Amino acid sequence: MKKALELFRLMRPHQWVKNLFVFTGLLFGHAWLDPNLTAQVVFTFIAFCLVSSTIYIINDIVDLEQDRHHPRKSQRPLASGQVSVVAAIILAVMLGALGFGLAFRTSKIVVIILVAYALMNVAYSLWLKHVVILDVFIIATGFMLRILAGTLGVGIPPSQWLLLCGMMVTLFLGFSKRRAEIIALTDDKSAHRKVLEHYGPVLLDKMIGIAAACLVMSYSLYTMNPDTIRIHGTSNLIYTVPFVMYGVSRYIYLLHHQSRGGDPSHDLVRDPHLFIVVGAWLVTTIWLIV
């Protein structure tokens, strides 16, 4: 039983919240009333969860030695020795096969996007994660592929504004993650992540500030865009901007004053302010556009 729990923890199920980006098109494209489209998006979401877990396992295998030197990641199933490398490989193969099987069940476009996502992440694990700045843009591209899979992959026209907002969100979170790693690792940072040699607090704070400003501005412009008002039948989405501004400000506060920001999924459920403001934004948005 304990081994099964460790294998499940190896899959990092708490990270599946990132795959909720797949539902962006379903919500903002007013397609939730179509049961066929809804089912396709759900299958796409599950496929991304399974394949992303496969990628996480590959990452853990590649980063095994570095994770053993990390104060928090050393407790992961592989780094702590609770799960063997052989068992991790078998689990990764099974999850990958199931994920691509579901993607094939949905559409060929979803399969292509999922293959691109997997190849990009493997390249990230083996090489691209060591390239400064590009490493964060690769993470952001992964979220863009999630949005495209839930829109283009199932026949929902993707919104360029939402793609831009999604990129700004993920760049903000990506640079914040690097900043949190520098704060957490007081010893040799390169022993955990080589690219941290090229990052510094000042550089990352500037990048975070740029991404945060672009995020708030792009989302604000999206809510006022004539096409957005026409599609949703309301001009009141502008009133959700304060939720976004507060959420961004709160995240920066957590990063600098509570040593968080390294794992957005954990931070979302552990910080009541962040949890409430994201929930309030979601409820208000759904209430305005439904």
Protein backbone atom coordinates (compact mmCIF):
# COMPACT_ATOMS: atom_id res chain seq x y z
CA MET A 1 0.00 0.00 0.00
CA LYS A 2 2.81 2.40 0.90
CA LYS A 3 4.59 1.68 -2.38
CA ALA A 4 1.38 2.36 -4.32
CA LEU A 5 1.05 5.71 -2.56
CA GLU A 6 4.66 6.58 -3.39
CA LEU A 7 4.07 5.67 -7.05
CA PHE A 8 0.98 7.88 -7.06
CA ARG A 9 2.98 10.70 -5.45
CA LEU A 10 5.64 10.20 -8.13
CA MET A 11 2.98 11.15 -10.69
CA ARG A 12 2.63 14.55 -8.96
CA PRO A 13 -1.18 14.65 -9.15
CA HIS A 14 -1.26 18.11 -7.54
CA GLN A 15 0.42 19.41 -10.72
CA TRP A 16 -2.58 18.35 -12.80
CA VAL A 17 -4.19 21.66 -11.90
CA LYS A 18 -1.93 23.18 -14.60
CA ASN A 19 -3.77 21.12 -17.19
CA LEU A 20 -6.97 23.03 -16.41
CA PHE A 21 -5.71 25.42 -19.09
CA VAL A 22 -7.16 22.84 -21.49
CA PHE A 23 -10.65 24.02 -20.47
CA THR A 24 -9.96 27.67 -21.42
CA GLY A 25 -11.56 27.36 -24.85
CA LEU A 26 -14.55 25.44 -23.52
CA LEU A 27 -15.31 28.19 -21.01
CA PHE A 28 -14.49 31.32 -22.96
CA GLY A 29 -15.69 29.88 -26.28
CA HIS A 30 -19.19 29.19 -24.85
CA ALA A 31 -18.90 25.55 -25.93
CA TRP A 32 -19.83 23.86 -22.62
CA LEU A 33 -23.41 23.20 -23.80
CA ASP A 34 -22.13 20.84 -26.52
CA PRO A 35 -21.79 17.40 -24.82
CA ASN A 36 -19.54 16.05 -27.57
CA LEU A 37 -17.11 18.95 -27.33
CA THR A 38 -17.17 18.77 -23.55
CA ALA A 39 -16.33 15.05 -23.63
CA GLN A 40 -13.45 15.68 -26.07
CA VAL A 41 -11.99 18.39 -23.84
CA VAL A 42 -12.29 16.13 -20.77
CA PHE A 43 -10.46 13.34 -22.63
CA THR A 44 -7.80 15.88 -23.68
CA PHE A 45 -7.41 17.00 -20.07
CA ILE A 46 -6.94 13.42 -18.85
CA ALA A 47 -4.46 12.74 -21.67
CA PHE A 48 -2.39 15.76 -20.66
CA CYS A 49 -2.50 14.68 -17.00
CA LEU A 50 -1.15 11.23 -17.87
CA VAL A 51 1.52 12.46 -20.30
CA SER A 52 2.59 15.31 -18.02
CA SER A 53 3.02 12.78 -15.21
CA THR A 54 5.21 10.76 -17.58
CA ILE A 55 7.33 13.86 -18.17
CA TYR A 56 7.58 14.55 -14.42
CA ILE A 57 8.85 11.01 -13.87
CA ILE A 58 11.44 11.45 -16.64
CA ASN A 59 12.49 14.74 -15.02
CA ASP A 60 12.88 13.04 -11.66
CA ILE A 61 15.06 10.33 -13.20
CA VAL A 62 17.24 12.86 -15.05
CA ASP A 63 17.51 15.18 -12.02
CA LEU A 64 17.93 12.41 -9.45
CA GLU A 65 21.33 13.51 -8.16
CA GLN A 66 20.49 17.22 -8.15
CA ASP A 67 17.22 16.60 -6.29
CA ARG A 68 19.08 14.79 -3.52
CA HIS A 69 20.82 18.11 -2.73
CA HIS A 70 17.59 20.11 -2.67
CA PRO A 71 15.99 20.81 0.76
CA ARG A 72 12.47 19.98 -0.46
CA LYS A 73 12.90 17.84 -3.59
CA SER A 74 15.07 15.36 -1.69
CA GLN A 75 11.81 14.09 -0.17
CA ARG A 76 10.41 13.03 -3.56
CA PRO A 77 9.86 9.27 -4.03
CA LEU A 78 12.85 8.74 -6.35
CA ALA A 79 15.29 11.07 -4.60
CA SER A 80 14.44 9.58 -1.21
CA GLY A 81 14.79 6.01 -2.47
CA GLN A 82 11.15 5.07 -1.84
CA VAL A 83 10.68 4.15 -5.51
CA SER A 84 13.30 2.44 -7.71
CA VAL A 85 14.32 3.78 -11.11
CA VAL A 86 13.04 0.58 -12.79
CA ALA A 87 9.58 0.96 -11.23
CA ALA A 88 9.52 4.62 -12.26
CA ILE A 89 10.36 3.74 -15.88
CA ILE A 90 7.61 1.09 -16.04
CA LEU A 91 5.07 3.55 -14.62
CA ALA A 92 6.14 6.26 -17.09
CA VAL A 93 5.69 3.89 -20.07
CA MET A 94 2.22 2.84 -18.88
CA LEU A 95 1.05 6.41 -18.28
CA GLY A 96 2.42 7.60 -21.63
CA ALA A 97 0.68 4.79 -23.51
CA LEU A 98 -2.65 5.53 -21.82
CA GLY A 99 -2.30 9.26 -22.40
CA PHE A 100 -1.57 8.99 -26.11
CA GLY A 101 -4.33 6.40 -26.45
CA LEU A 102 -6.85 8.91 -25.09
CA ALA A 103 -5.43 11.63 -27.33
CA PHE A 104 -5.86 9.39 -30.38
CA ARG A 105 -9.45 8.77 -29.25
CA THR A 106 -10.02 12.56 -29.33
CA SER A 107 -8.41 13.83 -32.55
CA LYS A 108 -5.25 13.71 -34.64
CA ILE A 109 -4.55 17.37 -33.84
CA VAL A 110 -4.55 16.61 -30.11
CA VAL A 111 -2.11 13.75 -30.76
CA ILE A 112 0.21 16.09 -32.72
CA ILE A 113 0.05 18.75 -29.99
CA LEU A 114 0.66 16.17 -27.28
CA VAL A 115 3.64 14.75 -29.19
CA ALA A 116 5.04 18.28 -29.56
CA TYR A 117 4.49 18.84 -25.83
CA ALA A 118 6.23 15.59 -24.90
CA LEU A 119 9.21 16.11 -27.24
CA MET A 120 9.64 19.69 -26.08
CA ASN A 121 9.64 18.62 -22.43
CA VAL A 122 12.09 15.78 -23.05
CA ALA A 123 14.37 18.30 -24.79
CA TYR A 124 13.85 20.60 -21.80
CA SER A 125 14.84 17.86 -19.35
CA LEU A 126 17.96 16.91 -21.30
CA TRP A 127 19.22 20.30 -22.49
CA LEU A 128 16.93 23.33 -22.77
CA LYS A 129 16.49 23.73 -19.00
CA HIS A 130 20.14 24.81 -18.89
CA VAL A 131 19.59 27.73 -21.32
CA VAL A 132 18.90 30.94 -19.40
CA ILE A 133 15.61 32.77 -20.22
CA LEU A 134 14.72 30.16 -22.84
CA ASP A 135 14.03 27.65 -20.06
CA VAL A 136 11.16 29.78 -18.75
CA PHE A 137 9.79 30.40 -22.25
CA ILE A 138 9.74 26.63 -22.83
CA ILE A 139 7.58 26.24 -19.72
CA ALA A 140 5.24 28.97 -21.01
CA THR A 141 5.03 27.25 -24.40
CA GLY A 142 3.81 24.11 -22.64
CA PHE A 143 0.81 26.03 -21.34
CA MET A 144 0.14 27.47 -24.80
CA LEU A 145 0.03 23.92 -26.16
CA ARG A 146 -2.50 23.00 -23.47
CA ILE A 147 -4.76 25.87 -24.56
CA LEU A 148 -4.37 24.94 -28.24
CA ALA A 149 -5.19 21.30 -27.51
CA GLY A 150 -8.43 22.37 -25.79
CA THR A 151 -9.37 24.71 -28.63
CA LEU A 152 -7.81 23.90 -32.01
CA GLY A 153 -7.59 20.21 -31.09
CA VAL A 154 -11.35 19.84 -30.62
CA GLY A 155 -12.56 22.37 -33.18
CA ILE A 156 -12.98 25.49 -31.01
CA PRO A 157 -11.45 28.62 -32.58
CA PRO A 158 -8.62 29.78 -30.29
CA SER A 159 -8.66 33.37 -29.03
CA GLN A 160 -5.43 35.26 -29.69
CA TRP A 161 -6.09 37.42 -26.63
CA LEU A 162 -6.44 34.40 -24.37
CA LEU A 163 -3.26 32.90 -25.79
CA LEU A 164 -1.45 36.14 -25.00
CA CYS A 165 -2.89 36.27 -21.46
CA GLY A 166 -1.96 32.63 -20.95
CA MET A 167 1.62 33.29 -22.01
CA MET A 168 1.92 36.25 -19.64
CA VAL A 169 0.56 34.18 -16.73
CA THR A 170 3.02 31.38 -17.32
CA LEU A 171 6.02 33.68 -17.85
CA PHE A 172 5.16 35.39 -14.57
CA LEU A 173 4.93 32.06 -12.75
CA GLY A 174 8.05 30.72 -14.47
CA PHE A 175 10.30 33.61 -13.49
CA SER A 176 8.77 33.56 -9.99
CA LYS A 177 9.69 29.89 -9.72
CA ARG A 178 13.33 30.64 -10.56
CA ARG A 179 13.34 33.46 -7.99
CA ALA A 180 11.91 31.12 -5.35
CA GLU A 181 14.64 28.56 -6.10
CA ILE A 182 17.35 31.17 -5.56
CA ILE A 183 15.76 32.15 -2.24
CA ALA A 184 15.46 28.51 -1.11
CA LEU A 185 18.93 27.39 -2.15
CA THR A 186 21.41 29.20 0.06
CA ASP A 187 24.28 26.83 -0.80
CA ASP A 188 25.61 25.93 -4.26
CA LYS A 189 22.65 26.66 -6.54
CA SER A 190 24.22 24.98 -9.57
CA ALA A 191 24.28 21.67 -7.71
CA HIS A 192 20.50 21.65 -8.00
CA ARG A 193 19.87 23.54 -11.25
CA LYS A 194 22.73 24.56 -13.52
CA VAL A 195 20.87 27.47 -15.12
CA LEU A 196 20.61 29.25 -11.75
CA GLU A 197 24.26 30.23 -12.21
CA HIS A 198 23.07 32.70 -14.88
CA TYR A 199 20.14 34.12 -12.91
CA GLY A 200 20.36 36.72 -10.20
CA PRO A 201 17.78 38.32 -7.88
CA VAL A 202 17.86 41.70 -9.68
CA LEU A 203 17.44 40.15 -13.15
CA LEU A 204 14.59 37.92 -12.02
CA ASP A 205 12.81 40.73 -10.16
CA LYS A 206 12.88 42.79 -13.36
CA MET A 207 11.57 39.87 -15.42
CA ILE A 208 8.80 39.23 -12.89
CA GLY A 209 7.84 42.91 -12.94
CA ILE A 210 7.67 42.96 -16.76
CA ALA A 211 5.62 39.76 -16.91
CA ALA A 212 3.25 40.95 -14.15
CA ALA A 213 2.64 44.30 -15.88
CA CYS A 214 2.07 42.61 -19.25
CA LEU A 215 -0.30 40.09 -17.62
CA VAL A 216 -2.52 42.76 -16.04
CA MET A 217 -2.44 44.93 -19.18
CA SER A 218 -3.18 42.12 -21.65
CA TYR A 219 -6.05 40.78 -19.51
CA SER A 220 -7.48 44.29 -19.10
CA LEU A 221 -7.36 44.87 -22.87
CA TYR A 222 -8.97 41.45 -23.44
CA THR A 223 -11.95 42.36 -21.23
CA MET A 224 -12.46 45.63 -23.18
CA ASN A 225 -11.94 44.16 -26.64
CA PRO A 226 -15.03 44.56 -28.89
CA ASP A 227 -14.86 40.89 -29.96
CA THR A 228 -14.80 39.81 -26.30
CA ILE A 229 -17.85 41.96 -25.52
CA ARG A 230 -19.67 40.60 -28.59
CA ILE A 231 -18.89 36.93 -27.86
CA HIS A 232 -19.81 37.09 -24.17
CA GLY A 233 -22.62 39.62 -24.51
CA THR A 234 -21.29 41.76 -21.67
CA SER A 235 -18.84 44.62 -21.12
CA ASN A 236 -18.63 43.88 -17.40
CA LEU A 237 -15.61 41.55 -17.51
CA ILE A 238 -13.54 44.65 -16.82
CA TYR A 239 -14.72 44.35 -13.20
CA THR A 240 -12.76 41.11 -12.83
CA VAL A 241 -9.44 42.93 -13.38
CA PRO A 242 -9.05 43.84 -9.66
CA PHE A 243 -9.08 40.10 -8.82
CA VAL A 244 -6.20 39.55 -11.24
CA MET A 245 -4.25 42.52 -9.88
CA TYR A 246 -4.71 41.36 -6.29
CA GLY A 247 -3.75 37.78 -7.15
CA VAL A 248 -0.54 38.90 -8.88
CA SER A 249 0.34 41.23 -5.99
CA ARG A 250 -0.35 38.52 -3.42
CA TYR A 251 1.86 36.05 -5.30
CA ILE A 252 4.75 38.52 -5.35
CA TYR A 253 4.27 39.06 -1.61
CA LEU A 254 4.36 35.29 -0.96
CA LEU A 255 7.52 35.04 -3.05
CA HIS A 256 9.44 37.70 -1.16
CA HIS A 257 8.07 37.49 2.38
CA GLN A 258 7.00 33.87 2.88
CA SER A 259 9.56 32.04 0.69
CA ARG A 260 6.88 30.61 -1.57
CA GLY A 261 6.37 30.80 -5.32
CA GLY A 262 8.27 27.64 -6.22
CA ASP A 263 5.11 25.59 -6.76
CA PRO A 264 1.99 27.51 -7.90
CA SER A 265 -0.24 24.46 -7.40
CA HIS A 266 0.72 24.17 -3.72
CA ASP A 267 0.61 27.92 -3.17
CA LEU A 268 -2.90 28.12 -4.57
CA VAL A 269 -4.36 25.66 -2.08
CA ARG A 270 -2.19 26.62 0.91
CA ASP A 271 -2.64 30.39 0.87
CA PRO A 272 -6.24 31.38 1.75
CA HIS A 273 -5.91 34.83 0.13
CA LEU A 274 -4.76 33.37 -3.18
CA PHE A 275 -7.34 30.59 -3.06
CA ILE A 276 -10.20 32.99 -2.37
CA VAL A 277 -9.22 35.56 -4.99
CA VAL A 278 -8.78 32.91 -7.73
CA GLY A 279 -12.11 31.36 -6.73
CA ALA A 280 -13.79 34.78 -6.70
CA TRP A 281 -12.37 35.59 -10.15
CA LEU A 282 -13.60 32.27 -11.54
CA VAL A 283 -17.08 32.51 -10.03
CA THR A 284 -17.51 36.13 -11.12
CA THR A 285 -16.26 35.39 -14.64
CA ILE A 286 -18.60 32.41 -15.07
CA TRP A 287 -21.53 34.44 -13.66
CA LEU A 288 -20.87 37.24 -16.17
CA ILE A 289 -20.43 35.15 -19.30
CA VAL A 290 -22.96 32.36 -18.75
